[in-house]
Protein backbone atom coordinates (compact mmCIF):
# COMPACT_ATOMS: atom_id res chain seq x y z
CA MET A 1 -0.08 -0.24 0.40
CA SER A 2 1.62 3.32 -1.35
CA VAL A 3 2.36 6.04 1.11
CA GLU A 4 1.32 9.60 0.38
CA VAL A 5 3.36 12.98 1.82
CA ARG A 6 1.58 15.83 1.92
CA PRO A 7 1.76 19.29 4.15
CA VAL A 8 -0.31 19.67 6.77
CA LEU A 9 -3.60 21.80 6.03
CA GLY A 10 -5.93 23.43 8.61
CA ARG A 11 -6.95 22.80 12.12
CA GLY A 12 -8.14 19.13 11.60
CA GLU A 13 -4.62 18.09 9.96
CA LEU A 14 -2.82 19.86 12.79
CA THR A 15 -4.80 17.68 15.73
CA SER A 16 -3.66 14.75 13.38
CA PHE A 17 -0.24 15.80 13.25
CA ILE A 18 -0.04 16.19 17.11
CA LYS A 19 -2.25 13.15 18.31
CA LEU A 20 -0.69 10.66 15.67
CA PRO A 21 2.05 9.70 18.51
CA PHE A 22 -0.32 9.16 21.12
CA ARG A 23 -1.77 5.81 18.71
CA LEU A 24 2.06 4.97 17.83
CA HIS A 25 3.45 5.18 21.98
CA GLU A 26 0.21 3.70 23.69
CA GLY A 27 1.46 1.61 26.38
CA THR A 28 5.24 2.71 26.39
CA PRO A 29 6.82 5.27 28.75
CA TRP A 30 6.00 8.05 26.51
CA VAL A 31 4.01 10.94 28.16
CA PRO A 32 1.64 12.69 26.02
CA PRO A 33 2.17 16.66 25.94
CA LEU A 34 -1.01 19.21 26.85
CA ILE A 35 -2.67 19.24 23.17
CA ILE A 36 -3.54 22.96 23.71
CA GLU A 37 0.12 23.88 24.64
CA ARG A 38 1.35 21.90 21.54
CA ARG A 39 -0.73 23.45 19.13
CA ASP A 40 0.09 26.74 20.18
CA PHE A 41 3.73 25.87 19.56
CA LEU A 42 2.96 24.64 16.39
CA ASP A 43 0.93 27.57 15.62
CA ARG A 44 3.41 30.02 13.27
CA THR A 45 1.17 33.12 13.86
CA LYS A 46 2.10 32.76 17.85
CA ASN A 47 5.52 30.77 18.08
CA PRO A 48 8.10 33.87 17.73
CA PHE A 49 10.69 31.10 16.46
CA PHE A 50 9.12 31.89 12.97
CA GLN A 51 9.97 35.56 13.44
CA HIS A 52 13.42 34.50 11.86
CA ALA A 53 12.53 31.30 9.96
CA GLU A 54 10.30 29.26 7.90
CA GLY A 55 9.21 25.44 8.17
CA GLU A 56 6.78 23.31 6.56
CA TYR A 57 4.68 20.17 8.29
CA PHE A 58 4.18 17.24 6.47
CA LEU A 59 2.06 14.11 7.28
CA ALA A 60 2.39 10.79 5.81
CA TRP A 61 -0.95 9.05 4.60
CA ARG A 62 -1.90 5.33 3.88
CA GLU A 63 -5.44 4.74 3.39
CA GLY A 64 -6.59 7.81 4.57
CA ARG A 65 -4.75 7.30 8.12
CA PRO A 66 -1.92 9.22 9.38
CA VAL A 67 1.20 6.86 9.84
CA GLY A 68 4.10 9.52 9.98
CA ARG A 69 5.13 13.21 10.67
CA ILE A 70 8.27 15.39 10.41
CA THR A 71 8.99 19.00 10.26
CA VAL A 72 11.96 20.92 8.05
CA THR A 73 12.75 24.17 8.76
CA ILE A 74 15.21 26.99 8.02
CA ASP A 75 16.43 29.16 10.60
CA LYS A 76 18.28 32.53 10.02
CA ARG A 77 19.57 32.70 13.32
CA TRP A 78 21.01 29.28 13.36
CA ASP A 79 22.78 30.54 9.82
CA GLU A 80 23.83 33.70 11.90
CA PHE A 81 25.48 31.86 14.97
CA GLN A 82 26.20 28.49 13.72
CA GLY A 83 27.38 28.94 10.25
CA GLY A 84 26.69 26.65 7.36
CA ASN A 85 23.66 26.41 4.90
CA ASP A 86 21.49 23.96 6.96
CA ALA A 87 18.33 22.77 7.48
CA GLN A 88 16.53 21.26 10.49
CA PHE A 89 14.29 18.06 10.97
CA GLY A 90 11.91 17.48 13.93
CA PHE A 91 9.06 16.17 15.25
CA ILE A 92 9.39 13.12 14.03
CA GLU A 93 6.90 10.12 14.54
CA ALA A 94 6.28 6.97 12.24
CA GLU A 95 5.00 3.21 12.40
CA ASP A 96 7.81 0.80 12.01
CA ASP A 97 8.18 1.11 8.11
CA PRO A 98 10.48 1.90 6.15
CA ASP A 99 8.32 2.78 3.56
CA VAL A 100 6.88 5.70 5.67
CA PHE A 101 10.25 6.93 7.21
CA GLY A 102 11.60 6.92 3.41
CA ALA A 103 8.73 8.93 2.28
CA LEU A 104 9.14 11.46 5.22
CA PHE A 105 12.93 12.34 4.64
CA ALA A 106 12.35 12.29 1.22
CA ALA A 107 9.90 14.95 1.15
CA ALA A 108 11.52 16.98 4.02
CA GLU A 109 15.03 16.99 2.05
CA GLU A 110 13.48 17.88 -1.15
CA TRP A 111 11.71 20.56 0.60
CA ALA A 112 15.28 21.41 1.81
CA ARG A 113 16.96 21.35 -1.41
CA GLU A 114 14.77 23.51 -3.39
CA ARG A 115 15.65 26.44 -0.71
CA GLY A 116 19.39 25.73 -1.61
CA ARG A 117 20.54 23.75 1.80
CA ASP A 118 23.51 21.91 1.93
CA ARG A 119 22.85 19.49 4.85
CA LEU A 120 19.73 18.34 7.01
CA LEU A 121 20.57 18.47 10.72
CA GLY A 122 18.26 17.19 13.55
CA PRO A 123 15.57 16.25 15.37
CA MET A 124 15.12 19.52 16.93
CA ASP A 125 11.76 21.13 17.88
CA PHE A 126 12.29 23.53 16.73
CA THR A 127 15.85 24.26 18.17
CA THR A 128 18.37 23.35 20.61
CA ASN A 129 16.56 25.88 23.20
CA ASP A 130 13.48 23.49 22.68
CA GLU A 131 13.12 19.41 23.05
CA CYS A 132 15.91 18.51 20.35
CA GLY A 133 17.59 14.97 20.01
CA LEU A 134 16.37 11.52 19.26
CA LEU A 135 16.69 8.47 22.10
CA VAL A 136 19.10 6.63 21.37
CA GLU A 137 19.75 5.22 25.16
CA GLY A 138 17.70 4.86 28.30
CA TYR A 139 14.11 3.08 26.77
CA ASP A 140 12.84 1.93 29.44
CA LEU A 141 12.68 5.17 31.52
CA HIS A 142 9.98 7.32 31.50
CA PRO A 143 11.03 10.90 29.98
CA LEU A 144 11.20 13.76 32.32
CA ILE A 145 9.98 17.30 31.87
CA LEU A 146 10.48 18.66 28.29
CA GLN A 147 12.40 15.28 27.19
CA PRO A 148 11.28 13.52 24.38
CA TRP A 149 10.75 9.64 24.31
CA HIS A 150 11.26 7.22 20.91
CA PRO A 151 11.09 3.63 20.10
CA PRO A 152 14.65 1.74 19.41
CA TYR A 153 13.49 1.44 15.58
CA TYR A 154 13.78 5.30 14.96
CA LYS A 155 17.29 5.14 15.24
CA GLU A 156 17.69 1.95 13.02
CA ARG A 157 15.34 3.40 10.32
CA ILE A 158 16.92 6.88 10.47
CA GLU A 159 20.64 5.34 9.76
CA ALA A 160 19.22 3.61 6.86
CA LEU A 161 18.35 6.64 4.84
CA GLY A 162 21.79 7.56 5.38
CA TYR A 163 22.06 9.91 8.20
CA GLY A 164 25.31 9.85 10.50
CA LYS A 165 25.86 11.14 14.44
CA ARG A 166 26.58 14.65 14.99
CA MET A 167 26.34 15.11 18.70
CA ASP A 168 25.12 13.08 21.77
CA LEU A 169 23.17 14.99 24.28
CA LEU A 170 23.81 13.41 27.77
CA MET A 171 21.04 13.25 30.67
CA TRP A 172 22.60 12.61 33.88
CA ASN A 173 20.76 11.12 36.74
CA LEU A 174 21.88 12.14 40.48
CA GLU A 175 20.16 10.08 43.42
CA MET A 176 20.67 11.35 46.36
CA GLY A 177 18.44 9.05 48.25
CA GLU A 178 16.93 10.14 51.97
CA LEU A 179 17.99 13.53 52.36
CA LYS A 180 18.54 15.31 55.33
CA GLN A 181 19.88 18.53 56.39
CA GLY A 182 23.38 19.00 56.35
CA ASP A 183 23.64 16.25 53.85
CA ARG A 184 26.92 17.30 51.59
CA PHE A 185 28.70 17.14 48.58
CA ALA A 186 32.19 16.45 48.14
CA ASP A 187 33.90 19.02 50.91
CA ALA A 188 35.76 20.72 48.16
CA ILE A 189 32.49 21.63 46.43
CA HIS A 190 30.99 23.19 49.96
CA GLU A 191 34.42 25.48 50.53
CA VAL A 192 34.51 27.00 47.05
CA ALA A 193 30.79 27.72 47.82
CA ASP A 194 31.11 29.21 51.02
CA LYS A 195 33.31 31.93 49.49
CA VAL A 196 31.31 32.88 46.98
CA GLU A 197 29.66 35.84 49.15
CA SER A 198 32.75 36.56 51.68
CA GLU A 199 35.42 36.53 48.96
CA HIS A 200 33.32 37.83 46.00
CA GLY A 201 30.13 39.93 47.43
CA ILE A 202 27.89 37.92 45.19
CA THR A 203 24.44 36.81 46.83
CA VAL A 204 22.58 34.18 45.66
CA ARG A 205 18.67 34.11 46.17
CA ASN A 206 15.34 32.51 44.65
CA MET A 207 13.55 33.78 42.01
CA ARG A 208 10.49 35.63 42.50
CA LYS A 209 7.53 34.28 41.10
CA ARG A 210 5.40 37.59 41.34
CA ASP A 211 7.84 39.23 38.99
CA LEU A 212 8.15 35.96 36.65
CA LYS A 213 8.34 37.73 33.42
CA ASN A 214 11.57 39.84 34.51
CA GLU A 215 12.93 37.06 36.21
CA ILE A 216 12.76 34.94 33.18
CA ALA A 217 14.26 37.60 31.21
CA ARG A 218 17.08 37.80 33.95
CA PHE A 219 17.59 34.09 33.71
CA MET A 220 17.92 34.35 29.64
CA GLU A 221 20.53 37.02 29.72
CA VAL A 222 22.81 34.55 31.71
CA TYR A 223 21.59 31.83 29.08
CA ASN A 224 22.34 33.76 26.05
CA SER A 225 25.75 34.44 27.76
CA ALA A 226 26.76 31.27 29.42
CA TRP A 227 25.95 29.15 26.49
CA SER A 228 27.20 31.54 23.67
CA LYS A 229 30.46 29.05 22.49
CA ASN A 230 28.29 26.16 22.87
CA TRP A 231 27.80 23.82 19.52
CA GLY A 232 24.44 24.29 18.56
CA PHE A 233 23.62 26.96 20.61
CA VAL A 234 21.61 30.21 18.92
CA PRO A 235 20.55 32.82 21.54
CA ILE A 236 17.44 33.03 22.50
CA THR A 237 15.15 36.59 21.46
CA ASP A 238 13.26 38.67 23.80
CA GLU A 239 9.99 37.60 22.04
CA GLU A 240 10.92 33.82 22.88
CA ILE A 241 11.68 34.82 26.40
CA GLU A 242 7.91 36.09 26.92
CA PHE A 243 6.70 33.00 25.12
CA GLN A 244 9.00 31.08 27.17
CA ALA A 245 7.75 32.46 30.23
CA THR A 246 4.29 31.95 29.74
CA ASN A 247 4.67 28.19 29.39
CA LEU A 248 6.59 28.21 32.50
CA LYS A 249 4.40 30.33 35.13
CA GLN A 250 2.32 27.11 35.55
CA VAL A 251 4.98 24.99 36.25
CA LEU A 252 7.81 27.07 38.11
CA ASP A 253 8.66 26.42 41.68
CA PRO A 254 10.75 29.67 43.15
CA ARG A 255 12.17 27.05 45.68
CA TRP A 256 14.33 25.53 42.72
CA ALA A 257 15.30 28.77 40.58
CA PHE A 258 18.08 30.82 41.43
CA ILE A 259 19.84 33.89 40.20
CA ALA A 260 23.14 34.82 41.86
CA GLU A 261 23.51 38.91 41.65
CA ARG A 262 26.16 41.42 42.98
CA ASP A 263 25.52 45.38 43.13
CA GLY A 264 22.32 45.08 40.73
CA GLU A 265 24.05 42.60 38.01
CA VAL A 266 22.95 38.79 37.48
CA LEU A 267 26.12 36.75 37.05
CA GLY A 268 24.44 33.54 37.10
CA ALA A 269 21.17 31.56 36.83
CA ALA A 270 20.02 28.15 37.53
CA LEU A 271 16.70 26.88 37.07
CA THR A 272 15.31 23.52 38.04
CA LEU A 273 11.61 22.07 37.44
CA PRO A 274 9.31 20.09 38.83
CA ASP A 275 9.17 16.91 36.94
CA ILE A 276 5.20 17.48 35.98
CA ASN A 277 5.63 14.76 33.70
CA GLN A 278 4.59 12.37 36.90
CA VAL A 279 0.77 14.19 36.46
CA THR A 280 0.50 14.95 32.63
CA LYS A 281 0.73 11.12 32.14
CA ARG A 282 -2.71 10.74 33.54
CA MET A 283 -4.12 13.60 31.68
CA ASN A 284 -4.13 12.37 27.96
CA GLY A 285 -3.31 15.49 26.88
CA ARG A 286 -6.05 17.46 28.03
CA LEU A 287 -7.20 20.12 30.68
CA LEU A 288 -10.96 19.45 30.44
CA PRO A 289 -13.02 18.46 32.14
CA PHE A 290 -10.67 17.19 34.76
CA GLY A 291 -7.66 17.63 33.56
CA TRP A 292 -6.99 21.17 35.79
CA LEU A 293 -7.72 18.71 39.08
CA LYS A 294 -5.39 16.20 38.16
CA PHE A 295 -2.51 18.71 37.38
CA LEU A 296 -3.31 20.48 40.64
CA THR A 297 -3.69 18.08 43.21
CA GLY A 298 -1.04 15.55 41.53
CA LYS A 299 1.95 18.39 41.68
CA ARG A 300 1.81 18.07 45.85
CA LYS A 301 3.10 14.43 44.73
CA ILE A 302 5.70 15.36 42.61
CA ASP A 303 9.14 13.44 43.83
CA TYR A 304 11.83 14.56 40.85
CA VAL A 305 13.01 16.97 39.49
CA ARG A 306 14.82 18.11 35.99
CA VAL A 307 17.74 20.97 35.80
CA PHE A 308 16.75 22.70 32.83
CA ALA A 309 19.41 25.09 33.22
CA LEU A 310 22.39 26.33 34.95
CA GLY A 311 25.25 28.79 33.93
CA VAL A 312 27.27 31.57 34.97
CA LYS A 313 28.58 34.73 32.42
CA PRO A 314 31.92 33.51 31.40
CA GLU A 315 33.94 36.31 32.93
CA TYR A 316 32.49 35.45 36.25
CA GLN A 317 32.95 31.38 36.32
CA HIS A 318 36.15 31.42 38.53
CA THR A 319 33.83 32.67 41.42
CA GLY A 320 32.38 29.64 42.39
CA ILE A 321 28.91 30.34 41.82
CA ALA A 322 27.96 27.39 39.89
CA ALA A 323 29.15 25.32 43.25
CA ARG A 324 26.78 27.47 45.25
CA PHE A 325 24.24 26.67 43.33
CA TYR A 326 25.00 22.87 43.32
CA VAL A 327 24.85 23.35 47.51
CA ARG A 328 21.83 25.19 47.19
CA HIS A 329 20.08 22.29 45.24
CA ILE A 330 21.21 19.82 47.86
CA GLU A 331 19.79 21.89 50.56
CA THR A 332 16.53 22.36 48.85
CA ALA A 333 16.09 18.83 48.11
CA ALA A 334 16.91 17.59 51.96
CA GLU A 335 14.50 20.56 52.67
CA LEU A 336 11.55 19.28 50.16
CA GLY A 337 11.97 15.32 50.39
CA ILE A 338 13.39 15.02 46.88
CA PRO A 339 15.49 12.03 46.49
CA GLY A 340 17.26 13.07 43.27
CA GLY A 341 16.78 13.99 39.91
CA GLU A 342 18.20 14.37 35.96
CA THR A 343 20.27 17.23 34.53
CA GLY A 344 19.43 19.02 31.43
CA TRP A 345 21.20 17.90 28.43
CA ILE A 346 24.78 18.12 28.23
CA LEU A 347 26.91 17.69 25.36
CA GLU A 348 29.24 15.12 24.96
CA VAL A 349 32.57 17.33 24.15
CA ASN A 350 31.34 19.37 27.43
CA GLU A 351 34.46 17.72 29.56
CA PRO A 352 34.44 19.94 32.51
CA MET A 353 30.53 19.74 33.25
CA ASN A 354 30.36 15.89 32.33
CA ARG A 355 33.13 15.19 34.98
CA ALA A 356 31.75 17.46 37.55
CA MET A 357 28.46 15.41 37.19
CA GLU A 358 30.54 12.21 37.84
CA GLY A 359 31.91 13.74 40.84
CA MET A 360 28.83 14.26 42.24
CA GLY A 361 28.03 10.70 41.69
CA GLY A 362 26.05 11.23 38.70
CA GLU A 363 25.34 8.01 36.12
CA ILE A 364 24.79 8.47 32.90
CA VAL A 365 21.09 7.50 32.16
CA LYS A 366 19.70 8.82 28.67
CA ARG A 367 21.38 9.73 25.90
CA TYR A 368 20.12 11.74 22.65
CA ARG A 369 21.64 12.05 19.25
CA LEU A 370 21.44 14.81 16.64
CA PHE A 371 21.86 13.13 12.85
CA GLU A 372 22.82 14.91 9.61
CA LYS A 373 22.88 13.99 5.87
CA PRO A 374 24.62 16.20 3.35
CA LEU A 375 21.88 16.84 0.57
């Protein structure tokens, strides 16, 4: 039976695009996203990504039923900050059928070639600031907030189409067990952390949820500075910051969000998010009729967190701010009875951060891969 791939047209087909993985991944560790949030994210008139990018969404159809999906985008800011002449693919989901994968990627590659692109890179939904990478290790584990999940055959099908590894993203787990006040990391971390205020005059405080928009802007100021040298990084725009703040408002717990500052200048920031996937997995993508109730009551039972991002401006990385953030995390975990969590992804080539995680007793539990193919 032939496979037809065509662009997504209209609200109904966009709903089919969003809901396809609900069927594909039923009974797996995959966690359904909120349909309303995905609809807003994919809306080109609402997501400020499309102020500097263009793209197309494709659905693969067989006998009138969607069997696969993919996006392909061109981001002017990627060109500006990463160089090259790339297009990015993302949102890949498909039945275990080489014909479906082949047809989807053929459509994405043709779209990119028609616009003069030299390489297709991904998956990114839509940038490395969003969910990105294909899961290649850790299939048996539930994804945490803002982590994708894919079955093992995705890797095999994509590699069979000529895509090779470009970069791996590592997720470290820090399991701290039954924490109590006074538990510690290695003494050296605490020694450095203790000098942040006394020697450098730097204070570390919690974010203020009542001033969330400005606090997220402060965080993103650090984010754009601290990650500027990283492979794959593209600075986030003011409009994207506002868009992100709206999405984070319902999730952020100020007890897990920290700002380091001195004389009014923000020097570092750390944002850790409660793993609301523990709640949303029971909502099946819907807020109504009882989704909000499940969300609000379930939040109190969350016992795991994900370090979304932790960074220090380059000129202040010698001051021990990162160590102070680590200590604040273990103190907060002890206070709230949280036994552990996972880091945000760390590039496999980021030796200092990976060694720091190893030194704190961390373990790599998930590996995501970005693939590339010359066009």
